[in-house]
Protein backbone atom coordinates (compact mmCIF):
# COMPACT_ATOMS: atom_id res chain seq x y z
CA MET A 1 0.00 -0.01 -0.05
CA GLN A 2 2.76 2.36 0.69
CA TRP A 3 4.32 1.59 -2.81
CA PHE A 4 0.87 2.48 -4.29
CA ASN A 5 0.70 5.88 -2.52
CA THR A 6 4.05 7.15 -3.77
CA PRO A 7 4.01 10.47 -5.85
CA GLU A 8 5.48 8.39 -8.72
CA VAL A 9 2.95 5.72 -8.75
CA GLN A 10 0.23 8.30 -8.33
CA LYS A 11 1.69 10.46 -11.28
CA ASN A 12 1.66 7.24 -13.58
CA ILE A 13 -2.03 6.39 -12.71
CA ALA A 14 -2.93 9.97 -13.77
CA LEU A 15 -0.88 9.93 -16.95
CA ASP A 16 -2.51 6.47 -17.83
CA GLY A 17 -6.00 8.33 -17.42
CA GLY A 18 -6.65 7.43 -13.86
CA PHE A 19 -7.50 9.53 -10.86
CA PRO A 20 -4.79 9.76 -8.25
CA ASN A 21 -5.82 9.83 -4.61
CA LEU A 22 -2.62 12.05 -3.28
CA SER A 23 -3.67 15.75 -3.18
CA SER A 24 0.01 16.49 -4.06
CA SER A 25 -0.34 15.01 -7.47
CA TYR A 26 -2.47 18.04 -8.42
CA GLU A 27 0.36 20.28 -7.97
CA ASP A 28 2.54 18.45 -10.51
CA PRO A 29 3.00 20.70 -13.52
CA GLU A 30 3.60 17.70 -15.81
CA LEU A 31 0.07 16.88 -15.28
CA ALA A 32 -1.51 20.12 -15.83
CA ASP A 33 -2.18 19.67 -19.60
CA ILE A 34 -4.27 16.73 -19.06
CA PRO A 35 -7.64 17.74 -20.63
CA TYR A 36 -9.74 16.83 -17.60
CA TRP A 37 -7.32 17.48 -14.93
CA GLU A 38 -9.07 20.82 -13.47
CA ALA A 39 -12.43 19.12 -13.17
CA SER A 40 -10.79 16.11 -11.50
CA GLN A 41 -9.06 18.34 -9.15
CA LYS A 42 -12.33 20.17 -8.27
CA ALA A 43 -14.00 16.71 -7.78
CA TYR A 44 -11.07 15.59 -5.55
CA GLU A 45 -11.63 18.45 -3.38
CA ILE A 46 -15.20 17.72 -2.57
CA SER A 47 -15.04 14.00 -2.45
CA THR A 48 -15.19 11.62 0.35
CA THR A 49 -14.22 7.92 0.82
CA ARG A 50 -17.08 5.35 0.95
CA PRO A 51 -18.25 4.41 4.16
CA ARG A 52 -16.44 1.91 6.05
CA ILE A 53 -19.35 -0.19 6.91
CA ALA A 54 -19.86 -4.08 6.42
CA GLU A 55 -23.18 -3.06 4.33
CA TRP A 56 -21.38 -0.78 1.87
CA PRO A 57 -21.08 -3.35 -1.04
CA LYS A 58 -24.61 -4.24 -1.15
CA MET A 59 -25.49 -0.32 -0.80
CA ASP A 60 -23.28 0.45 -3.67
CA GLU A 61 -24.95 -2.37 -5.89
CA ILE A 62 -28.29 -0.86 -5.06
CA LEU A 63 -27.24 2.58 -5.98
CA MET A 64 -25.56 1.59 -9.13
CA LEU A 65 -28.74 -0.32 -10.30
CA GLU A 66 -30.88 2.49 -9.30
CA LEU A 67 -28.71 5.04 -11.16
CA SER A 68 -28.68 2.79 -14.08
CA ASN A 69 -32.49 2.62 -14.07
CA ALA A 70 -32.69 6.47 -14.16
CA ILE A 71 -30.12 6.81 -16.85
CA THR A 72 -32.07 4.41 -19.02
CA GLY A 73 -35.16 6.10 -18.43
CA GLU A 74 -36.83 3.19 -16.42
CA THR A 75 -37.31 5.44 -13.41
CA THR A 76 -37.17 9.11 -12.99
CA PRO A 77 -33.96 10.35 -11.08
CA GLN A 78 -36.19 11.07 -8.00
CA GLN A 79 -37.79 7.63 -8.06
CA ALA A 80 -34.15 5.99 -8.24
CA LEU A 81 -33.06 7.99 -5.34
CA ASP A 82 -36.19 7.23 -3.13
CA ASN A 83 -36.00 3.63 -4.16
CA ALA A 84 -32.25 3.41 -3.24
CA ALA A 85 -33.20 5.32 0.18
CA ALA A 86 -35.80 2.73 0.98
CA GLN A 87 -33.51 -0.07 0.11
CA PHE A 88 -30.61 1.37 2.18
CA THR A 89 -33.07 1.70 5.09
CA GLU A 90 -33.97 -1.91 4.68
CA GLU A 91 -30.55 -3.30 4.39
CA LEU A 92 -29.18 -1.20 7.47
CA GLY A 93 -32.21 -1.86 9.54
CA ASP A 94 -31.79 -0.85 13.31
CA LYS A 95 -28.22 0.22 12.48
CA LEU A 96 -29.60 3.65 11.71
CA PRO A 97 -28.73 6.46 12.09
CA ILE A 98 -24.99 5.68 11.23
CA SER A 99 -22.43 8.52 12.18
CA TYR A 100 -20.13 8.81 9.31
CA GLN A 101 -16.54 7.91 10.01
């Protein structure tokens, strides 16, 4: 894990089209010419990690399915979010509310 988080490896990830997880990567002048770089940096600044709870993989599956339904027009965006919220509540049960870590 330490190797993966080195500036060199993170830079190579960016050069290969990925998104680095080191904030210092966004200060590298060699990466500034990447077309999506500014947008990527803005997204990084407001992003958070995924919830560290055992239920997250199932919740992620639910969310991806509901977002797909909205994108394909099977549901409205609001219906998709409402469906996901209801399924999250069912999945988490009596563990609610969860304080984010």
